[in-house]
Amino acid sequence: MSFYSAKSISFSYSNKPILNNVTLDIKEGSIVSLLGPNGTGKST
């Protein structure tokens, strides 16, 4: 069973595609981490 699911995510920044039709499916009980440099919007 999925705890979190997002489908068909697309995102562009300054007219450059960053994500194109991405699907994210996190299963219940999974451990997930989001990594990136300071000041890049990981918590927003």
PDB file of N, CA and C in Angstrom:
ATOM      1  N   MET A   1       0.839  -1.181   0.000  1.00  0.00           N
ATOM      2  CA  MET A   1       0.000   0.000   0.000  1.00  0.00           C
ATOM      3  C   MET A   1       0.885   1.245   0.000  1.00  0.00           C
ATOM      4  N   SER A   2       0.479   2.271  -0.728  1.00  0.00           N
ATOM      5  CA  SER A   2       1.245   3.512  -0.810  1.00  0.00           C
ATOM      6  C   SER A   2       0.906   4.443   0.341  1.00  0.00           C
ATOM      7  N   PHE A   3       1.948   5.011   0.944  1.00  0.00           N
ATOM      8  CA  PHE A   3       1.787   6.038   1.966  1.00  0.00           C
ATOM      9  C   PHE A   3       1.622   7.395   1.285  1.00  0.00           C
ATOM     10  N   TYR A   4       2.397   7.605   0.207  1.00  0.00           N
ATOM     11  CA  TYR A   4       2.359   8.859  -0.541  1.00  0.00           C
ATOM     12  C   TYR A   4       2.532   8.541  -2.015  1.00  0.00           C
ATOM     13  N   SER A   5       1.716   9.151  -2.851  1.00  0.00           N
ATOM     14  CA  SER A   5       1.814   8.929  -4.287  1.00  0.00           C
ATOM     15  C   SER A   5       1.575  10.242  -5.016  1.00  0.00           C
ATOM     16  N   ALA A   6       2.424  10.549  -5.976  1.00  0.00           N
ATOM     17  CA  ALA A   6       2.269  11.729  -6.828  1.00  0.00           C
ATOM     18  C   ALA A   6       2.513  11.273  -8.261  1.00  0.00           C
ATOM     19  N   LYS A   7       1.630  11.660  -9.167  1.00  0.00           N
ATOM     20  CA  LYS A   7       1.713  11.176 -10.542  1.00  0.00           C
ATOM     21  C   LYS A   7       1.781  12.325 -11.532  1.00  0.00           C
ATOM     22  N   SER A   8       2.514  12.108 -12.595  1.00  0.00           N
ATOM     23  CA  SER A   8       2.616  13.038 -13.727  1.00  0.00           C
ATOM     24  C   SER A   8       3.098  14.419 -13.290  1.00  0.00           C
ATOM     25  N   ILE A   9       4.183  14.472 -12.521  1.00  0.00           N
ATOM     26  CA  ILE A   9       4.753  15.739 -12.067  1.00  0.00           C
ATOM     27  C   ILE A   9       5.665  16.294 -13.156  1.00  0.00           C
ATOM     28  N   SER A  10       5.422  17.540 -13.539  1.00  0.00           N
ATOM     29  CA  SER A  10       6.295  18.238 -14.484  1.00  0.00           C
ATOM     30  C   SER A  10       6.619  19.599 -13.895  1.00  0.00           C
ATOM     31  N   PHE A  11       7.853  20.059 -14.099  1.00  0.00           N
ATOM     32  CA  PHE A  11       8.277  21.341 -13.550  1.00  0.00           C
ATOM     33  C   PHE A  11       9.366  21.930 -14.433  1.00  0.00           C
ATOM     34  N   SER A  12       9.264  23.225 -14.711  1.00  0.00           N
ATOM     35  CA  SER A  12      10.286  23.942 -15.476  1.00  0.00           C
ATOM     36  C   SER A  12      10.768  25.132 -14.666  1.00  0.00           C
ATOM     37  N   TYR A  13      12.017  25.501 -14.866  1.00  0.00           N
ATOM     38  CA  TYR A  13      12.606  26.667 -14.207  1.00  0.00           C
ATOM     39  C   TYR A  13      13.369  27.450 -15.261  1.00  0.00           C
ATOM     40  N   SER A  14      13.033  28.721 -15.412  1.00  0.00           N
ATOM     41  CA  SER A  14      13.639  29.578 -16.440  1.00  0.00           C
ATOM     42  C   SER A  14      13.529  28.941 -17.825  1.00  0.00           C
ATOM     43  N   ASN A  15      12.342  28.439 -18.131  1.00  0.00           N
ATOM     44  CA  ASN A  15      12.051  27.794 -19.420  1.00  0.00           C
ATOM     45  C   ASN A  15      12.867  26.543 -19.685  1.00  0.00           C
ATOM     46  N   LYS A  16      13.455  25.947 -18.650  1.00  0.00           N
ATOM     47  CA  LYS A  16      14.207  24.703 -18.804  1.00  0.00           C
ATOM     48  C   LYS A  16      13.477  23.607 -18.039  1.00  0.00           C
ATOM     49  N   PRO A  17      13.133  22.504 -18.705  1.00  0.00           N
ATOM     50  CA  PRO A  17      12.445  21.419 -18.004  1.00  0.00           C
ATOM     51  C   PRO A  17      13.338  20.769 -16.956  1.00  0.00           C
ATOM     52  N   ILE A  18      12.832  20.655 -15.743  1.00  0.00           N
ATOM     53  CA  ILE A  18      13.553  20.015 -14.641  1.00  0.00           C
ATOM     54  C   ILE A  18      12.985  18.615 -14.410  1.00  0.00           C
ATOM     55  N   LEU A  19      11.662  18.513 -14.347  1.00  0.00           N
ATOM     56  CA  LEU A  19      10.971  17.232 -14.218  1.00  0.00           C
ATOM     57  C   LEU A  19       9.976  17.115 -15.362  1.00  0.00           C
ATOM     58  N   ASN A  20       9.873  15.928 -15.946  1.00  0.00           N
ATOM     59  CA  ASN A  20       8.937  15.724 -17.044  1.00  0.00           C
ATOM     60  C   ASN A  20       8.170  14.417 -16.835  1.00  0.00           C
ATOM     61  N   ASN A  21       6.915  14.540 -16.406  1.00  0.00           N
ATOM     62  CA  ASN A  21       6.021  13.402 -16.228  1.00  0.00           C
ATOM     63  C   ASN A  21       6.578  12.358 -15.255  1.00  0.00           C
ATOM     64  N   VAL A  22       7.033  12.811 -14.090  1.00  0.00           N
ATOM     65  CA  VAL A  22       7.622  11.940 -13.064  1.00  0.00           C
ATOM     66  C   VAL A  22       6.520  11.403 -12.149  1.00  0.00           C
ATOM     67  N   THR A  23       6.634  10.148 -11.774  1.00  0.00           N
ATOM     68  CA  THR A  23       5.724   9.538 -10.810  1.00  0.00           C
ATOM     69  C   THR A  23       6.520   9.120  -9.582  1.00  0.00           C
ATOM     70  N   LEU A  24       6.015   9.462  -8.403  1.00  0.00           N
ATOM     71  CA  LEU A  24       6.662   9.122  -7.139  1.00  0.00           C
ATOM     72  C   LEU A  24       5.682   8.300  -6.312  1.00  0.00           C
ATOM     73  N   ASP A  25       6.128   7.136  -5.864  1.00  0.00           N
ATOM     74  CA  ASP A  25       5.285   6.251  -5.065  1.00  0.00           C
ATOM     75  C   ASP A  25       6.104   5.765  -3.876  1.00  0.00           C
ATOM     76  N   ILE A  26       5.755   6.220  -2.671  1.00  0.00           N
ATOM     77  CA  ILE A  26       6.477   5.840  -1.457  1.00  0.00           C
ATOM     78  C   ILE A  26       5.614   4.852  -0.686  1.00  0.00           C
ATOM     79  N   LYS A  27       6.157   3.689  -0.452  1.00  0.00           N
ATOM     80  CA  LYS A  27       5.423   2.634   0.241  1.00  0.00           C
ATOM     81  C   LYS A  27       5.411   2.885   1.750  1.00  0.00           C
ATOM     82  N   GLU A  28       4.360   2.431   2.404  1.00  0.00           N
ATOM     83  CA  GLU A  28       4.239   2.546   3.854  1.00  0.00           C
ATOM     84  C   GLU A  28       5.411   1.832   4.520  1.00  0.00           C
ATOM     85  N   GLY A  29       6.045   2.492   5.508  1.00  0.00           N
ATOM     86  CA  GLY A  29       7.181   1.924   6.222  1.00  0.00           C
ATOM     87  C   GLY A  29       8.526   2.241   5.596  1.00  0.00           C
ATOM     88  N   SER A  30       8.537   2.924   4.440  1.00  0.00           N
ATOM     89  CA  SER A  30       9.795   3.292   3.783  1.00  0.00           C
ATOM     90  C   SER A  30      10.491   4.415   4.536  1.00  0.00           C
ATOM     91  N   ILE A  31      11.797   4.455   4.435  1.00  0.00           N
ATOM     92  CA  ILE A  31      12.592   5.569   4.952  1.00  0.00           C
ATOM     93  C   ILE A  31      13.085   6.351   3.746  1.00  0.00           C
ATOM     94  N   VAL A  32      12.762   7.648   3.714  1.00  0.00           N
ATOM     95  CA  VAL A  32      13.067   8.486   2.555  1.00  0.00           C
ATOM     96  C   VAL A  32      13.858   9.694   3.010  1.00  0.00           C
ATOM     97  N   SER A  33      14.822  10.114   2.199  1.00  0.00           N
ATOM     98  CA  SER A  33      15.632  11.287   2.510  1.00  0.00           C
ATOM     99  C   SER A  33      15.732  12.170   1.276  1.00  0.00           C
ATOM    100  N   LEU A  34      15.681  13.476   1.485  1.00  0.00           N
ATOM    101  CA  LEU A  34      15.845  14.445   0.411  1.00  0.00           C
ATOM    102  C   LEU A  34      17.150  15.181   0.653  1.00  0.00           C
ATOM    103  N   LEU A  35      18.088  15.049  -0.267  1.00  0.00           N
ATOM    104  CA  LEU A  35      19.421  15.629  -0.108  1.00  0.00           C
ATOM    105  C   LEU A  35      19.631  16.771  -1.090  1.00  0.00           C
ATOM    106  N   GLY A  36      20.414  17.759  -0.676  1.00  0.00           N
ATOM    107  CA  GLY A  36      20.758  18.867  -1.553  1.00  0.00           C
ATOM    108  C   GLY A  36      21.497  19.939  -0.784  1.00  0.00           C
ATOM    109  N   PRO A  37      22.109  20.874  -1.523  1.00  0.00           N
ATOM    110  CA  PRO A  37      22.866  21.951  -0.878  1.00  0.00           C
ATOM    111  C   PRO A  37      21.964  22.877  -0.056  1.00  0.00           C
ATOM    112  N   ASN A  38      22.563  23.606   0.883  1.00  0.00           N
ATOM    113  CA  ASN A  38      21.835  24.597   1.677  1.00  0.00           C
ATOM    114  C   ASN A  38      21.211  25.644   0.761  1.00  0.00           C
ATOM    115  N   GLY A  39      20.006  26.080   1.117  1.00  0.00           N
ATOM    116  CA  GLY A  39      19.357  27.169   0.397  1.00  0.00           C
ATOM    117  C   GLY A  39      18.711  26.772  -0.914  1.00  0.00           C
ATOM    118  N   THR A  40      18.472  25.488  -1.140  1.00  0.00           N
ATOM    119  CA  THR A  40      17.890  25.069  -2.419  1.00  0.00           C
ATOM    120  C   THR A  40      16.413  24.703  -2.326  1.00  0.00           C
ATOM    121  N   GLY A  41      15.752  24.961  -1.204  1.00  0.00           N
ATOM    122  CA  GLY A  41      14.308  24.776  -1.095  1.00  0.00           C
ATOM    123  C   GLY A  41      13.847  23.373  -0.755  1.00  0.00           C
ATOM    124  N   LYS A  42      14.655  22.601  -0.079  1.00  0.00           N
ATOM    125  CA  LYS A  42      14.264  21.231   0.267  1.00  0.00           C
ATOM    126  C   LYS A  42      13.083  21.190   1.223  1.00  0.00           C
ATOM    127  N   SER A  43      12.927  22.186   2.067  1.00  0.00           N
ATOM    128  CA  SER A  43      11.857  22.155   3.071  1.00  0.00           C
ATOM    129  C   SER A  43      10.622  22.940   2.636  1.00  0.00           C
ATOM    130  N   THR A  44      10.610  23.476   1.447  1.00  0.00           N
ATOM    131  CA  THR A  44       9.446  24.256   0.993  1.00  0.00           C
ATOM    132  C   THR A  44       8.605  23.505   0.009  1.00  0.00           C
TER     133      THR A  44
END
